[in-house]
């Protein structure tokens, strides 16, 4: 058996330790991190050191964490098991966690010297917006894939397929993948967008009104697109929704329909703790800022969205006034808070009365509630990530 090429163009002898024969004819050995076997197949040896992301590496995984000790091991495992025919590095941007998140990641870095970890300063809590600002600036590779520390990837080929897509589609500056939502309280998975093959492309108006992107953990960006973000985006309460709008202002957003990630929803998220009315009002308050951020180019789309959200607010208020105080609220679906107001509002307007009565009776739309609002997420210290996603085909698994 001949030597196996690594991602740097040099050659390494195949591993002769215990393990099975992997693809490309090289052997695969197993190491373990926190009890998980980690696939070291076909990866270039990269030093483990505390330096900036290297421009010689084409792909960087940007790992964003804040008090994710309960989840980050699964997140890192899914990163280290990626099968890609070149080296990648990991930049850790922890926002001053007060739990064991950083120490878990440091142990992981020590146990996996074949991958270079860069740990940004985590001594202070910057807030999620400023944490993303300095994290994006630390990435020097051609492509940047984001992972939030409470999510994980489900396909070992996610990085490779997104990289290949962006290599082939110069009209796109970003690429997302399909995903599952996991409701931790109910231990249930939901598939918001039907799984299929192929891809689609979206422009900024699509992302404003009908965003299929999900959250940051599904996305890979060209580093140049992140560098060209307007500085003012980090002066607003703007996260993946606003950033994806800005990135898609001058290029298309590619979307792969194969599910390759899990977006975890849990009560630790600051956004999850807000009431539905507070979520809608926060969304409405942000829209003028996002309109200004994009220089009014998408004002008609933002105004239309604001009108629909305002209509949702009025429906909630009317339902609260009309509901008898003694009535026991109907138990709603655990996915109620994952359905955007737009979808619910439209459903209430277009569904036949008999169908609407059944849907409401099952708690799928609730009484006077309509789920979370677009553009907002459960990560960090404020909204940002759950954009208006097409839920008309959503189903529980």
Protein backbone atom coordinates (compact mmCIF):
# COMPACT_ATOMS: atom_id res chain seq x y z
CA UNK A 1 0.00 0.00 0.00
CA UNK A 2 1.39 3.41 -0.98
CA UNK A 3 1.49 6.54 1.07
CA UNK A 4 -1.72 8.51 1.53
CA UNK A 5 -1.80 12.19 0.55
CA UNK A 6 -2.90 14.67 3.21
CA UNK A 7 -4.57 18.03 2.77
CA UNK A 8 -1.34 20.01 2.71
CA UNK A 9 0.09 18.36 -0.41
CA UNK A 10 2.72 16.37 1.49
CA UNK A 11 2.50 12.64 2.09
CA UNK A 12 2.14 10.63 5.27
CA UNK A 13 2.53 6.91 5.72
CA UNK A 14 -0.70 5.06 6.46
CA UNK A 15 -1.34 4.31 10.11
CA UNK A 16 -0.54 0.69 10.95
CA UNK A 17 -2.15 0.77 14.41
CA UNK A 18 -5.37 -1.04 15.20
CA UNK A 19 -8.25 0.12 13.09
CA UNK A 20 -10.05 -0.63 9.88
CA UNK A 21 -9.19 0.25 6.32
CA UNK A 22 -10.69 3.62 5.53
CA UNK A 23 -11.44 5.31 2.23
CA UNK A 24 -8.59 6.23 -0.12
CA UNK A 25 -6.65 3.17 1.11
CA UNK A 26 -5.37 4.68 4.34
CA UNK A 27 -5.93 3.18 7.74
CA UNK A 28 -8.17 4.65 10.38
CA UNK A 29 -7.34 4.49 14.08
CA UNK A 30 -9.58 5.38 16.99
CA UNK A 31 -8.92 7.84 19.78
CA UNK A 32 -11.40 8.88 22.40
CA UNK A 33 -12.61 12.16 23.87
CA UNK A 34 -14.99 12.07 26.84
CA UNK A 35 -15.90 8.52 25.94
CA UNK A 36 -16.62 9.20 22.27
CA UNK A 37 -14.59 7.51 19.52
CA UNK A 38 -13.20 10.15 17.20
CA UNK A 39 -12.61 9.41 13.55
CA UNK A 40 -9.10 10.53 12.62
CA UNK A 41 -9.43 9.32 9.05
CA UNK A 42 -7.64 11.20 6.29
CA UNK A 43 -6.64 14.32 8.18
CA UNK A 44 -3.40 16.20 7.90
CA UNK A 45 -1.37 16.49 11.10
CA UNK A 46 -1.79 20.04 12.40
CA UNK A 47 -0.15 21.47 15.49
CA UNK A 48 -2.24 22.35 18.51
CA UNK A 49 -1.28 25.89 19.41
CA UNK A 50 -2.84 29.11 20.59
CA UNK A 51 -2.46 31.16 17.40
CA UNK A 52 -4.76 32.88 14.94
CA UNK A 53 -6.57 30.94 12.24
CA UNK A 54 -4.08 30.18 9.48
CA UNK A 55 -4.68 31.51 5.94
CA UNK A 56 -3.02 28.33 4.61
CA UNK A 57 -6.05 26.33 5.82
CA UNK A 58 -9.04 26.69 3.52
CA UNK A 59 -11.73 25.84 6.10
CA UNK A 60 -12.08 27.11 9.66
CA UNK A 61 -14.77 25.96 12.06
CA UNK A 62 -15.76 28.84 14.31
CA UNK A 63 -17.05 27.39 17.58
CA UNK A 64 -19.14 29.92 19.56
CA UNK A 65 -19.76 29.00 23.18
CA UNK A 66 -21.29 30.39 26.34
CA UNK A 67 -22.04 28.11 29.29
CA UNK A 68 -22.40 25.11 27.00
CA UNK A 69 -20.67 22.55 29.22
CA UNK A 70 -23.70 20.27 29.03
CA UNK A 71 -23.67 20.20 25.23
CA UNK A 72 -20.25 21.10 23.86
CA UNK A 73 -18.79 17.57 23.91
CA UNK A 74 -21.39 16.44 21.39
CA UNK A 75 -20.77 19.56 19.34
CA UNK A 76 -16.99 19.00 19.20
CA UNK A 77 -17.41 15.31 18.45
CA UNK A 78 -19.43 16.14 15.36
CA UNK A 79 -16.72 18.58 14.22
CA UNK A 80 -13.83 16.17 14.71
CA UNK A 81 -15.63 13.41 12.85
CA UNK A 82 -15.88 15.47 9.66
CA UNK A 83 -14.47 13.69 6.61
CA UNK A 84 -12.83 16.22 4.37
CA UNK A 85 -9.78 15.75 2.16
CA UNK A 86 -7.86 18.68 3.61
CA UNK A 87 -6.93 20.02 7.01
CA UNK A 88 -9.19 22.41 8.86
CA UNK A 89 -8.74 24.29 12.10
CA UNK A 90 -11.05 25.29 14.95
CA UNK A 91 -11.35 28.77 16.43
CA UNK A 92 -13.04 28.79 19.86
CA UNK A 93 -14.76 32.05 20.80
CA UNK A 94 -16.07 31.55 24.31
CA UNK A 95 -17.96 34.51 25.73
CA UNK A 96 -16.79 34.30 29.33
CA UNK A 97 -18.46 31.04 30.35
CA UNK A 98 -18.80 30.47 34.08
CA UNK A 99 -19.10 26.69 33.78
CA UNK A 100 -16.62 24.06 32.49
CA UNK A 101 -17.07 24.81 28.79
CA UNK A 102 -13.52 26.07 28.22
CA UNK A 103 -11.82 23.35 30.25
CA UNK A 104 -13.72 20.68 28.31
CA UNK A 105 -12.54 22.20 25.05
CA UNK A 106 -8.96 22.51 26.29
CA UNK A 107 -8.92 18.81 27.16
CA UNK A 108 -10.27 18.07 23.72
CA UNK A 109 -7.52 20.14 22.08
CA UNK A 110 -4.85 18.36 24.09
CA UNK A 111 -6.25 14.95 23.14
CA UNK A 112 -6.42 15.82 19.44
CA UNK A 113 -3.13 17.43 18.37
CA UNK A 114 -3.84 16.63 14.71
CA UNK A 115 -6.29 19.57 14.70
CA UNK A 116 -5.19 23.08 15.50
CA UNK A 117 -7.35 24.82 18.10
CA UNK A 118 -7.24 28.59 18.56
CA UNK A 119 -8.69 29.83 21.84
CA UNK A 120 -9.69 33.49 21.85
CA UNK A 121 -9.58 35.33 25.16
CA UNK A 122 -12.54 34.23 27.30
CA UNK A 123 -11.86 36.28 30.43
CA UNK A 124 -14.75 38.69 29.85
CA UNK A 125 -18.36 38.46 28.73
CA UNK A 126 -18.67 40.60 25.59
CA UNK A 127 -22.21 39.77 24.63
CA UNK A 128 -23.02 37.66 21.62
CA UNK A 129 -22.81 40.43 19.02
CA UNK A 130 -19.34 41.60 20.00
CA UNK A 131 -18.21 38.02 20.49
CA UNK A 132 -19.13 37.30 16.88
CA UNK A 133 -17.40 40.48 15.74
CA UNK A 134 -14.02 39.46 17.18
CA UNK A 135 -14.55 35.81 16.22
CA UNK A 136 -15.15 36.61 12.54
CA UNK A 137 -12.08 38.86 12.56
CA UNK A 138 -9.94 35.99 13.90
CA UNK A 139 -10.76 33.73 10.95
CA UNK A 140 -8.33 33.97 8.03
CA UNK A 141 -9.22 30.92 5.96
CA UNK A 142 -11.14 30.99 2.70
CA UNK A 143 -14.29 29.48 4.25
CA UNK A 144 -15.75 29.83 7.76
CA UNK A 145 -18.29 27.32 9.09
CA UNK A 146 -20.04 28.33 12.30
CA UNK A 147 -20.98 25.96 15.11
CA UNK A 148 -22.80 27.15 18.21
CA UNK A 149 -21.81 25.08 21.21
CA UNK A 150 -25.25 23.68 21.97
CA UNK A 151 -25.85 22.39 18.43
CA UNK A 152 -24.22 19.55 16.49
CA UNK A 153 -23.80 18.21 12.99
CA UNK A 154 -25.29 14.92 11.82
CA UNK A 155 -23.36 14.31 8.61
CA UNK A 156 -19.60 13.67 8.49
CA UNK A 157 -19.61 15.28 5.03
CA UNK A 158 -21.15 18.64 5.95
CA UNK A 159 -17.94 20.67 5.67
CA UNK A 160 -16.86 18.94 2.46
CA UNK A 161 -20.21 19.40 0.74
CA UNK A 162 -20.53 23.05 1.67
CA UNK A 163 -16.96 23.73 0.58
CA UNK A 164 -17.55 21.91 -2.72
CA UNK A 165 -20.76 23.88 -3.28
CA UNK A 166 -19.06 27.24 -2.75
CA UNK A 167 -16.13 26.14 -4.92
CA UNK A 168 -18.58 25.46 -7.74
CA UNK A 169 -21.04 28.34 -7.22
CA UNK A 170 -19.29 31.66 -7.39
CA UNK A 171 -22.65 33.43 -7.37
CA UNK A 172 -23.03 32.45 -3.69
CA UNK A 173 -21.10 33.86 -0.74
CA UNK A 174 -22.73 31.53 1.78
CA UNK A 175 -24.19 28.07 2.02
CA UNK A 176 -26.61 26.60 4.54
CA UNK A 177 -27.79 23.04 5.03
CA UNK A 178 -31.11 21.54 6.01
CA UNK A 179 -31.49 20.70 9.68
CA UNK A 180 -33.56 19.16 12.44
CA UNK A 181 -34.97 21.02 15.43
CA UNK A 182 -34.61 19.21 18.74
CA UNK A 183 -36.92 20.21 21.58
CA UNK A 184 -34.94 19.23 24.65
CA UNK A 185 -37.91 19.47 27.02
CA UNK A 186 -40.07 17.15 24.97
CA UNK A 187 -37.17 15.05 23.65
CA UNK A 188 -38.66 15.36 20.19
CA UNK A 189 -37.24 16.11 16.79
CA UNK A 190 -38.97 18.21 14.16
CA UNK A 191 -38.06 18.50 10.50
CA UNK A 192 -39.17 21.99 9.43
CA UNK A 193 -38.12 21.60 5.80
CA UNK A 194 -38.65 18.32 3.91
CA UNK A 195 -35.44 16.41 3.26
CA UNK A 196 -34.60 15.91 -0.37
CA UNK A 197 -31.63 16.13 -2.70
CA UNK A 198 -30.30 19.09 -4.57
CA UNK A 199 -30.05 22.74 -3.64
CA UNK A 200 -31.74 26.11 -3.97
CA UNK A 201 -30.49 29.67 -3.91
CA UNK A 202 -32.07 32.61 -2.12
CA UNK A 203 -31.68 36.37 -2.30
CA UNK A 204 -31.95 38.84 0.57
CA UNK A 205 -35.71 39.48 0.11
CA UNK A 206 -36.32 35.73 0.43
CA UNK A 207 -34.36 35.64 3.68
CA UNK A 208 -36.34 38.57 5.07
CA UNK A 209 -39.75 37.09 4.33
CA UNK A 210 -39.29 33.31 4.10
CA UNK A 211 -35.93 32.33 5.52
CA UNK A 212 -35.06 28.65 5.33
CA UNK A 213 -31.56 29.16 6.73
CA UNK A 214 -32.21 28.08 10.31
CA UNK A 215 -29.38 29.31 12.53
CA UNK A 216 -25.63 29.92 12.38
CA UNK A 217 -24.77 26.24 12.95
CA UNK A 218 -26.07 25.39 9.48
CA UNK A 219 -23.97 28.00 7.68
CA UNK A 220 -20.63 28.30 5.90
CA UNK A 221 -19.42 31.67 4.59
CA UNK A 222 -16.71 32.98 2.35
CA UNK A 223 -14.35 34.84 4.63
CA UNK A 224 -14.43 37.81 2.27
CA UNK A 225 -18.19 38.12 2.79
CA UNK A 226 -17.70 38.33 6.56
CA UNK A 227 -14.91 40.87 6.13
CA UNK A 228 -17.21 43.03 4.00
CA UNK A 229 -20.06 43.09 6.50
CA UNK A 230 -21.06 46.66 7.40
CA UNK A 231 -19.55 47.63 10.73
CA UNK A 232 -22.92 48.85 11.90
CA UNK A 233 -24.28 45.30 11.88
CA UNK A 234 -22.43 44.72 15.13
CA UNK A 235 -23.88 47.86 16.70
CA UNK A 236 -27.41 46.43 16.54
CA UNK A 237 -29.01 43.39 18.13
CA UNK A 238 -28.24 41.52 14.95
CA UNK A 239 -27.35 37.85 14.68
CA UNK A 240 -27.60 35.25 11.95
CA UNK A 241 -30.80 36.61 10.41
CA UNK A 242 -29.46 40.14 9.94
CA UNK A 243 -25.99 38.92 8.98
CA UNK A 244 -27.42 36.56 6.36
CA UNK A 245 -29.47 39.43 4.95
CA UNK A 246 -26.33 41.57 4.68
CA UNK A 247 -24.26 38.76 3.17
CA UNK A 248 -27.03 38.07 0.64
CA UNK A 249 -27.33 41.69 -0.37
CA UNK A 250 -24.66 41.32 -3.04
CA UNK A 251 -24.56 37.53 -3.51
CA UNK A 252 -26.94 34.60 -3.33
CA UNK A 253 -27.34 32.22 -0.41
CA UNK A 254 -27.07 28.53 -1.33
CA UNK A 255 -29.12 25.95 0.55
CA UNK A 256 -28.52 22.17 0.51
CA UNK A 257 -31.71 20.22 1.16
CA UNK A 258 -30.03 17.25 2.84
CA UNK A 259 -30.32 17.57 6.66
CA UNK A 260 -26.84 17.75 8.19
CA UNK A 261 -27.30 19.61 11.49
CA UNK A 262 -29.37 19.71 14.66
CA UNK A 263 -30.55 22.98 16.14
CA UNK A 264 -31.17 22.41 19.81
CA UNK A 265 -33.95 24.34 21.56
CA UNK A 266 -33.74 24.48 25.36
CA UNK A 267 -34.77 26.65 28.28
CA UNK A 268 -31.25 27.91 28.92
CA UNK A 269 -31.60 30.15 25.88
CA UNK A 270 -32.39 33.74 26.84
CA UNK A 271 -34.76 33.99 23.89
CA UNK A 272 -36.71 30.89 24.91
CA UNK A 273 -37.56 32.43 28.27
CA UNK A 274 -39.41 35.37 26.72
CA UNK A 275 -43.17 35.29 26.38
CA UNK A 276 -44.59 35.06 22.91
CA UNK A 277 -45.82 38.65 23.03
CA UNK A 278 -42.38 39.88 24.11
CA UNK A 279 -40.81 38.01 21.20
CA UNK A 280 -43.12 39.61 18.66
CA UNK A 281 -42.64 43.08 20.15
CA UNK A 282 -38.86 42.66 20.18
CA UNK A 283 -38.98 41.65 16.54
CA UNK A 284 -41.06 44.69 15.63
CA UNK A 285 -38.66 46.97 17.47
CA UNK A 286 -35.69 45.58 15.54
CA UNK A 287 -37.11 45.93 12.04
CA UNK A 288 -36.39 49.69 11.71
CA UNK A 289 -32.78 49.03 12.71
CA UNK A 290 -32.47 46.29 10.09
CA UNK A 291 -34.07 48.56 7.50
CA UNK A 292 -31.47 51.24 8.27
CA UNK A 293 -28.72 48.64 8.28
CA UNK A 294 -29.55 47.79 4.67
CA UNK A 295 -29.93 51.46 3.63
CA UNK A 296 -33.65 51.11 2.99
CA UNK A 297 -33.08 48.85 -0.01
CA UNK A 298 -35.50 46.24 1.37
CA UNK A 299 -37.95 48.67 2.99
CA UNK A 300 -41.03 47.19 1.23
CA UNK A 301 -40.17 43.71 2.57
CA UNK A 302 -39.55 44.98 6.10
CA UNK A 303 -42.76 47.03 6.07
CA UNK A 304 -44.78 44.05 4.88
CA UNK A 305 -43.24 41.92 7.63
CA UNK A 306 -43.96 44.62 10.22
CA UNK A 307 -47.60 44.75 9.12
CA UNK A 308 -47.98 41.01 9.49
CA UNK A 309 -46.32 40.99 12.90
CA UNK A 310 -48.49 43.89 14.07
CA UNK A 311 -51.54 41.96 12.94
CA UNK A 312 -50.30 39.01 15.00
CA UNK A 313 -49.92 41.28 18.06
CA UNK A 314 -53.48 42.53 17.67
CA UNK A 315 -54.81 38.99 17.31
CA UNK A 316 -53.01 37.95 20.49
CA UNK A 317 -54.35 40.96 22.40
CA UNK A 318 -57.90 40.40 21.15
CA UNK A 319 -57.75 36.73 22.07
CA UNK A 320 -56.51 37.56 25.57
CA UNK A 321 -59.36 40.01 26.09
CA UNK A 322 -62.00 37.66 24.70
CA UNK A 323 -60.85 34.51 26.51
CA UNK A 324 -62.85 33.77 29.70
CA UNK A 325 -60.61 33.99 32.76
CA UNK A 326 -61.85 30.64 34.06
CA UNK A 327 -61.06 28.71 30.90
CA UNK A 328 -58.16 26.30 31.15
CA UNK A 329 -55.71 27.04 28.32
CA UNK A 330 -55.36 24.32 25.74
CA UNK A 331 -52.01 22.56 25.96
CA UNK A 332 -50.15 23.62 22.85
CA UNK A 333 -47.79 21.67 20.69
CA UNK A 334 -44.14 21.76 21.81
CA UNK A 335 -43.43 23.13 18.34
CA UNK A 336 -45.75 26.12 18.83
CA UNK A 337 -42.83 28.34 19.78
CA UNK A 338 -40.97 27.34 16.61
CA UNK A 339 -43.70 28.47 14.19
CA UNK A 340 -43.30 32.05 12.94
CA UNK A 341 -46.23 34.48 13.29
CA UNK A 342 -46.29 34.90 9.52
CA UNK A 343 -47.12 31.25 8.91
CA UNK A 344 -49.79 31.16 11.63
CA UNK A 345 -51.38 34.40 10.51
CA UNK A 346 -51.58 33.18 6.92
CA UNK A 347 -52.89 29.79 8.03
CA UNK A 348 -55.71 31.40 10.01
CA UNK A 349 -56.68 33.47 6.99
CA UNK A 350 -56.62 30.74 4.34
CA UNK A 351 -57.51 27.45 6.05
CA UNK A 352 -61.10 26.25 5.71
CA UNK A 353 -63.02 26.79 8.98
CA UNK A 354 -63.39 23.08 9.70
CA UNK A 355 -59.69 22.47 9.19
CA UNK A 356 -58.78 25.52 11.25
CA UNK A 357 -61.00 24.35 14.14
CA UNK A 358 -59.29 20.96 14.10
CA UNK A 359 -55.78 22.46 13.98
CA UNK A 360 -56.53 24.85 16.85
CA UNK A 361 -58.24 22.09 18.81
CA UNK A 362 -55.09 19.99 18.53
CA UNK A 363 -53.04 22.86 19.94
CA UNK A 364 -51.01 23.12 16.73
CA UNK A 365 -51.65 26.84 16.44
CA UNK A 366 -52.83 27.48 19.99
CA UNK A 367 -55.42 30.06 21.00
CA UNK A 368 -54.22 33.57 20.50
CA UNK A 369 -50.61 32.45 20.05
CA UNK A 370 -48.56 32.03 16.93
CA UNK A 371 -45.07 30.84 17.80
CA UNK A 372 -41.77 32.64 17.74
CA UNK A 373 -41.02 35.52 15.51
CA UNK A 374 -38.59 35.57 12.68
CA UNK A 375 -35.04 36.65 13.01
CA UNK A 376 -34.56 35.71 16.64
CA UNK A 377 -32.73 32.89 18.39
CA UNK A 378 -32.02 31.09 21.62
CA UNK A 379 -28.29 31.74 21.69
CA UNK A 380 -26.53 34.31 23.84
CA UNK A 381 -27.95 37.45 25.37
CA UNK A 382 -30.63 38.41 22.92
CA UNK A 383 -32.56 37.63 19.76
CA UNK A 384 -30.93 36.56 16.57
CA UNK A 385 -31.26 33.45 14.53
CA UNK A 386 -34.75 32.13 14.11
CA UNK A 387 -35.73 33.76 10.88
CA UNK A 388 -39.10 33.33 9.17
CA UNK A 389 -38.90 29.71 8.12
CA UNK A 390 -41.45 28.03 5.88
CA UNK A 391 -43.26 25.70 8.30
CA UNK A 392 -46.16 24.61 6.10
CA UNK A 393 -44.53 21.20 5.62
CA UNK A 394 -43.17 20.87 9.15
CA UNK A 395 -43.74 17.57 10.82
CA UNK A 396 -42.71 15.86 14.02
CA UNK A 397 -40.49 12.79 13.78
